[in-house]
Protein backbone atom coordinates (compact mmCIF):
# COMPACT_ATOMS: atom_id res chain seq x y z
CA MET A 1 96.27 242.60 147.38
CA ASN A 2 92.64 242.46 146.33
CA PRO A 3 90.51 244.63 148.65
CA VAL A 4 87.20 243.23 147.42
CA VAL A 5 85.18 241.01 149.76
CA ASP A 6 84.37 238.27 147.25
CA LEU A 7 81.24 236.30 148.14
CA ARG A 8 80.66 234.79 144.69
CA SER A 9 82.04 231.37 145.64
CA ASP A 10 84.65 229.65 147.77
CA THR A 11 86.41 228.81 144.49
CA VAL A 12 87.85 232.35 144.44
CA THR A 13 90.27 231.70 147.32
CA ARG A 14 93.94 232.44 146.70
CA PRO A 15 96.94 230.61 148.16
CA GLY A 16 98.41 232.51 151.09
CA ALA A 17 102.08 233.24 151.63
CA ALA A 18 102.79 230.00 153.52
CA MET A 19 101.05 227.88 150.89
CA ARG A 20 102.93 229.68 148.10
CA ARG A 21 106.17 229.02 149.96
CA ALA A 22 105.33 225.31 150.19
CA MET A 23 104.63 225.26 146.46
CA ALA A 24 107.86 227.06 145.60
CA GLU A 25 109.92 224.68 147.72
CA ALA A 26 108.14 221.47 146.66
CA GLU A 27 110.28 218.47 145.77
CA VAL A 28 109.10 217.28 142.36
CA GLY A 29 109.50 214.41 139.94
CA ASP A 30 107.57 213.02 136.97
CA ASP A 31 104.17 211.86 138.21
CA VAL A 32 103.52 209.90 135.01
CA PHE A 33 106.33 207.61 136.15
CA GLY A 34 105.01 207.74 139.70
CA ASP A 35 108.14 209.37 141.08
CA ASP A 36 106.92 212.79 142.16
CA PRO A 37 107.51 212.50 145.92
CA THR A 38 105.17 215.35 146.89
CA VAL A 39 102.29 213.90 144.89
CA ASN A 40 102.94 210.52 146.46
CA ARG A 41 102.94 212.04 149.95
CA LEU A 42 99.69 213.87 149.29
CA GLN A 43 97.95 210.77 147.96
CA ALA A 44 99.16 208.63 150.86
CA ARG A 45 98.22 211.27 153.43
CA ALA A 46 94.72 211.70 152.04
CA ALA A 47 94.13 207.94 151.78
CA GLU A 48 95.17 207.47 155.41
CA MET A 49 93.10 210.45 156.59
CA LEU A 50 89.91 209.34 154.83
CA GLY A 51 90.20 205.57 155.26
CA PHE A 52 91.01 204.31 151.75
CA GLU A 53 93.74 202.16 150.27
CA ALA A 54 94.77 204.67 147.63
CA ALA A 55 94.21 208.14 146.20
CA LEU A 56 94.83 209.83 142.87
CA LEU A 57 95.39 213.54 142.19
CA PHE A 58 93.34 215.22 139.45
CA PRO A 59 93.44 218.81 138.21
CA THR A 60 89.69 219.33 138.79
CA GLY A 61 86.69 217.90 140.57
CA THR A 62 84.74 217.60 137.33
CA GLN A 63 87.45 215.36 135.92
CA SER A 64 87.72 213.36 139.13
CA ASN A 65 83.97 212.68 139.19
CA LEU A 66 83.96 211.76 135.51
CA ALA A 67 86.89 209.38 135.94
CA ALA A 68 85.07 207.75 138.85
CA LEU A 69 81.92 207.26 136.76
CA MET A 70 83.96 205.85 133.87
CA THR A 71 85.80 203.48 136.20
CA HIS A 72 82.63 202.19 137.83
CA CYS A 73 80.56 202.01 134.63
CA GLY A 74 81.04 200.73 131.10
CA ARG A 75 79.42 202.00 127.92
CA GLY A 76 75.65 201.66 128.16
CA ASP A 77 75.66 201.35 131.94
CA GLU A 78 73.57 203.63 134.14
CA VAL A 79 74.21 205.82 137.16
CA ILE A 80 71.45 206.91 139.56
CA LEU A 81 71.95 210.39 141.02
CA GLY A 82 70.08 213.49 142.14
CA GLN A 83 68.67 216.19 139.87
CA GLU A 84 70.63 218.76 141.91
CA ALA A 85 73.88 216.76 141.93
CA HIS A 86 76.87 218.64 140.58
CA THR A 87 77.85 215.55 138.60
CA TYR A 88 74.50 215.66 136.80
CA ARG A 89 73.70 219.36 136.56
CA TYR A 90 76.99 221.25 136.38
CA GLU A 91 79.54 219.00 134.66
CA ALA A 92 78.45 219.46 131.05
CA GLY A 93 76.99 215.99 130.66
CA GLY A 94 80.46 214.45 130.60
CA GLY A 95 79.32 211.05 131.85
CA ALA A 96 76.98 210.70 128.87
CA VAL A 97 79.14 212.46 126.27
CA LEU A 98 82.55 211.00 127.12
CA GLY A 99 81.68 207.90 129.15
CA SER A 100 78.58 206.72 127.26
CA ILE A 101 76.95 206.36 130.69
CA GLN A 102 73.21 206.89 131.01
CA PRO A 103 72.22 209.18 133.89
CA GLN A 104 69.03 208.34 135.79
CA PRO A 105 68.32 211.54 137.75
CA LEU A 106 65.87 211.57 140.65
CA ALA A 107 64.42 214.57 142.48
CA ASN A 108 66.34 215.61 145.56
CA ARG A 109 64.25 216.09 148.68
CA PRO A 110 64.43 219.44 150.53
CA ASP A 111 67.21 218.14 152.80
CA GLY A 112 69.31 217.10 149.79
CA THR A 113 68.72 213.35 150.13
CA LEU A 114 66.98 211.02 147.68
CA ASP A 115 63.86 209.00 148.42
CA LEU A 116 65.34 205.51 148.72
CA ALA A 117 62.10 203.90 147.56
CA GLU A 118 62.47 205.91 144.35
CA VAL A 119 66.12 204.85 144.11
CA GLU A 120 65.19 201.20 144.34
CA ALA A 121 62.36 201.60 141.85
CA ALA A 122 64.77 203.21 139.37
CA ILE A 123 67.14 200.21 139.35
CA LYS A 124 66.62 198.48 136.03
CA PRO A 125 65.88 194.76 135.78
CA ASP A 126 68.37 192.46 134.09
CA ASP A 127 66.78 192.75 130.67
CA SER A 128 68.36 193.57 127.30
CA HIS A 129 65.85 196.40 126.81
CA PHE A 130 67.36 198.44 129.62
CA ALA A 131 70.63 200.06 130.51
CA ARG A 132 72.46 198.17 133.26
CA THR A 133 72.21 200.08 136.54
CA ARG A 134 75.71 199.95 138.02
CA LEU A 135 76.26 202.97 140.26
CA LEU A 136 74.62 205.15 142.89
CA ALA A 137 76.34 208.56 142.98
CA LEU A 138 75.64 210.82 145.96
CA GLU A 139 76.91 214.19 147.19
CA ASN A 140 77.85 215.79 150.52
CA THR A 141 77.45 218.73 150.96
CA ILE A 142 74.81 219.41 148.32
CA GLY A 143 73.65 222.99 147.85
CA GLY A 144 75.43 223.71 151.10
CA LYS A 145 73.39 221.11 153.00
CA ALA A 146 75.30 218.61 155.10
CA ILE A 147 73.80 215.10 155.10
CA GLY A 148 74.42 212.92 158.16
CA ARG A 149 75.46 209.30 158.46
CA PRO A 150 72.05 207.70 159.20
CA TRP A 151 70.66 208.36 155.72
CA PHE A 152 73.92 207.36 154.05
CA ASP A 153 73.93 204.11 156.03
CA GLU A 154 70.51 203.30 154.57
CA ALA A 155 71.52 204.31 151.05
CA LEU A 156 74.73 202.27 151.17
CA ALA A 157 72.86 199.24 152.52
CA LEU A 158 70.39 199.49 149.62
CA ALA A 159 73.21 199.76 147.09
CA LYS A 160 74.99 196.74 148.55
CA ARG A 161 71.80 194.68 148.60
CA ARG A 162 71.13 195.52 144.93
CA GLY A 163 74.71 195.08 143.76
CA LEU A 164 75.45 198.74 142.97
CA ALA A 165 78.79 200.47 143.38
CA THR A 166 78.73 203.79 145.25
CA HIS A 167 80.50 207.11 144.64
CA LEU A 168 80.44 210.23 146.81
CA ASP A 169 81.08 213.65 145.36
CA GLY A 170 82.64 215.16 148.48
CA ALA A 171 83.85 218.40 146.92
CA ARG A 172 83.00 220.11 150.22
CA LEU A 173 83.37 217.02 152.40
CA PHE A 174 85.22 218.90 155.12
CA ASN A 175 82.40 221.45 155.33
CA ALA A 176 79.98 218.60 155.94
CA ALA A 177 82.29 217.12 158.58
CA ALA A 178 82.60 220.46 160.38
CA LYS A 179 78.84 221.04 160.32
CA LEU A 180 78.04 217.55 161.60
CA ASP A 181 80.96 217.47 164.06
CA LEU A 182 82.15 214.19 162.54
CA ALA A 183 85.50 213.08 161.21
CA ALA A 184 85.61 213.32 157.41
CA ARG A 185 86.73 209.68 157.44
CA GLU A 186 83.40 208.73 159.01
CA LEU A 187 81.45 210.42 156.21
CA CYS A 188 83.44 208.40 153.64
CA ARG A 189 82.90 205.05 155.35
CA GLY A 190 81.32 202.42 153.11
CA PHE A 191 81.69 204.24 149.78
CA ASP A 192 83.59 202.56 146.96
CA SER A 193 85.01 205.91 145.86
CA VAL A 194 85.04 209.52 147.05
CA SER A 195 86.10 212.73 145.30
CA VAL A 196 87.43 215.52 147.57
CA CYS A 197 88.28 219.06 146.45
CA LEU A 198 91.50 220.69 147.68
CA SER A 199 90.36 224.13 146.56
CA LYS A 200 87.08 225.71 147.78
CA GLY A 201 87.11 225.61 151.59
CA LEU A 202 90.65 224.23 151.80
CA GLY A 203 92.08 227.09 149.75
CA ALA A 204 94.43 225.33 147.32
CA PRO A 205 94.57 226.94 143.86
CA ALA A 206 93.38 223.73 142.17
CA GLY A 207 93.33 219.99 142.57
CA THR A 208 90.96 217.19 143.59
CA LEU A 209 91.65 213.75 145.01
CA LEU A 210 89.83 210.59 143.99
CA LEU A 211 89.99 207.91 146.68
CA GLY A 212 89.14 204.22 146.61
CA GLY A 213 90.56 200.73 146.73
CA ALA A 214 93.95 200.08 145.16
CA ALA A 215 92.46 198.16 142.21
CA PHE A 216 89.87 200.88 141.58
CA ILE A 217 92.50 203.64 141.61
CA GLY A 218 94.65 201.57 139.26
CA ARG A 219 91.79 201.54 136.76
CA ALA A 220 91.03 205.22 137.37
CA LYS A 221 94.57 206.09 136.23
CA ARG A 222 93.61 204.94 132.76
CA ALA A 223 90.50 207.15 132.78
CA ARG A 224 92.59 210.10 134.00
CA LYS A 225 95.05 209.58 131.15
CA MET A 226 92.23 209.34 128.62
CA LEU A 227 90.72 212.58 129.91
CA GLY A 228 94.01 214.47 129.75
CA GLY A 229 94.44 214.77 133.50
CA THR A 230 97.85 213.16 133.84
CA MET A 231 100.43 215.77 134.84
CA ARG A 232 104.23 215.78 135.10
CA GLN A 233 105.95 217.79 137.87
CA SER A 234 102.65 218.20 139.68
CA GLY A 235 104.29 218.22 143.10
CA VAL A 236 104.00 222.01 142.97
CA LEU A 237 100.22 221.59 143.02
CA ALA A 238 100.36 218.68 145.46
CA ALA A 239 102.32 220.80 147.93
CA ALA A 240 99.40 223.22 148.07
CA GLY A 241 97.06 220.30 148.72
CA LEU A 242 99.25 218.96 151.52
CA TYR A 243 99.39 222.38 153.11
CA ALA A 244 95.60 222.64 152.85
CA LEU A 245 95.02 219.27 154.53
CA GLU A 246 97.46 220.05 157.32
CA HIS A 247 96.49 223.67 158.04
CA ASN A 248 93.09 224.59 156.60
CA VAL A 249 90.74 221.80 157.70
CA ALA A 250 90.20 222.87 161.31
CA ARG A 251 89.52 226.50 160.39
CA ILE A 252 86.51 225.68 158.15
CA ALA A 253 84.23 226.14 161.16
CA GLU A 254 85.14 229.86 161.02
CA ASP A 255 83.55 230.08 157.57
CA HIS A 256 80.36 228.53 158.93
CA ALA A 257 80.28 231.02 161.81
CA ASN A 258 80.76 233.87 159.34
CA ALA A 259 77.91 232.53 157.20
CA ASP A 260 75.66 232.40 160.28
CA ARG A 261 76.54 236.02 161.09
CA LEU A 262 75.92 237.10 157.49
CA ALA A 263 72.51 235.39 157.42
CA ALA A 264 71.51 236.94 160.75
CA GLY A 265 72.57 240.42 159.65
CA LEU A 266 70.81 240.27 156.30
CA ALA A 267 67.63 238.88 157.85
CA GLN A 268 67.16 242.25 159.60
CA LEU A 269 66.91 244.14 156.30
CA PRO A 270 63.56 245.06 154.72
CA GLY A 271 62.57 243.38 151.48
CA LEU A 272 64.96 240.44 151.84
CA GLN A 273 64.04 236.84 152.49
CA VAL A 274 67.09 235.07 153.90
CA GLU A 275 67.34 231.31 154.29
CA PRO A 276 69.22 229.97 157.33
CA ALA A 277 72.91 229.52 156.56
CA ARG A 278 73.93 226.15 155.13
CA THR A 279 77.52 225.42 156.13
CA ASN A 280 79.35 228.27 154.33
CA MET A 281 76.47 229.33 152.08
CA VAL A 282 73.71 231.89 152.52
CA PHE A 283 70.81 232.12 150.06
CA VAL A 284 69.02 235.45 149.74
CA HIS A 285 65.77 236.03 147.82
CA VAL A 286 66.03 239.44 146.15
CA PRO A 287 62.97 241.32 144.80
CA ALA A 288 63.03 241.56 141.00
CA GLY A 289 62.95 245.34 141.11
CA LYS A 290 66.21 245.44 143.07
CA LEU A 291 68.32 243.36 140.69
CA ALA A 292 69.13 246.01 138.07
CA GLY A 293 72.43 247.64 138.99
CA LEU A 294 72.92 245.52 142.12
CA SER A 295 76.19 243.92 141.06
CA GLU A 296 77.72 247.22 139.96
CA TYR A 297 76.68 249.00 143.17
CA PHE A 298 78.10 246.25 145.35
CA LEU A 299 81.37 246.04 143.44
CA GLY A 300 81.71 249.80 143.68
CA HIS A 301 81.52 249.40 147.45
CA GLY A 302 84.01 246.55 147.64
CA ILE A 303 81.70 243.53 147.60
CA ALA A 304 81.58 240.96 144.78
CA VAL A 305 78.36 238.94 144.37
CA LEU A 306 76.60 236.95 141.67
CA PRO A 307 73.18 238.63 141.46
CA GLY A 308 69.98 236.67 141.01
CA SER A 309 66.49 236.32 142.40
CA ARG A 310 67.90 233.65 144.73
CA MET A 311 71.41 234.90 145.33
CA ARG A 312 74.05 232.59 146.81
CA LEU A 313 76.67 234.15 149.07
CA VAL A 314 79.64 231.96 150.03
CA THR A 315 82.09 232.50 152.87
CA HIS A 316 85.66 231.21 152.75
CA LEU A 317 89.15 231.72 154.14
CA ASP A 318 89.67 235.00 152.28
CA VAL A 319 86.65 236.59 153.99
CA ASP A 320 87.11 237.47 157.66
CA ARG A 321 84.58 238.81 160.15
CA ALA A 322 85.39 242.40 159.18
CA GLY A 323 84.53 241.52 155.58
CA ILE A 324 81.21 240.05 156.71
CA GLU A 325 80.35 243.24 158.60
CA GLN A 326 81.28 245.29 155.54
CA ALA A 327 78.98 243.15 153.38
CA ILE A 328 76.09 243.63 155.81
CA ARG A 329 76.60 247.41 155.72
CA VAL A 330 76.60 247.48 151.92
CA PHE A 331 73.46 245.34 151.76
CA ALA A 332 71.81 247.65 154.27
CA ALA A 333 72.73 250.78 152.30
CA TYR A 334 71.48 249.27 149.05
CA PHE A 335 68.17 247.86 150.30
CA ARG A 336 67.29 250.69 152.69
CA GLY A 337 68.42 253.51 150.46
CA ARG A 338 67.05 252.45 147.06
């Protein structure tokens, strides 16, 4: 057992005893031949839950997003996306390097959305001088911010009017759904493809699902193979994903409540500027003079953080309310006593 309250990310979650049991007992086959029954059940369950014809299991969200871009776009095509989008900023330029896809990044507004007038202006004319704009790639949540349906309705209508395909990076889709009190299926409505993480808030050790129409998923299988994401007896991993979908979706609201409590507690401390909690994320502005030794002090008192002038703290299923109260006490001791 790890006694540390780990607030570095929700990617640090570990499968619990029941999830491990499901993994150990999983019925498996060879997924390359399509005969792993647990993978097939997971893909069918997710497609039904989120309103798509088909789904495909990937090892990671980075690979799922890249496969989606490569399936929607050919070499020399262009994708419009936000400067803060994970697909643009944190996935090593894979769309450009491996897909030969030109990114056209636009500034995200403070609420995480894009200015749709800027989106439309960025669409290239049908001219041999320009890359062909093929795809609008969006994200929900983005930086912890949940974006509601009204803006997406407008964005999807623009994309349809201009002949663009649409992809949603929904790595934390269920956090957005919990925050907005909407079914996750409703947040997916109208997109040509959606990528959903089974780790992070859902607590599986790995795995991401790409969802779309049957023909799209058929083409995405080729991209997955090309990228090295095809697995064999992957039912062991799929069993964790099934358990996550069936048991860990409803409890995500607890993480949001814990983030609210953490933000409220830290806001009482001198020298800290604390932004209101965003789903399961709290951002804290730390004075430069307090950064040296912060990580070591916190870890020595049972709290793991990633220090920085704007420090992100992330709640998840391995952090309970007692852990939140412990974190507040350690913050208080550090910032009041040093």
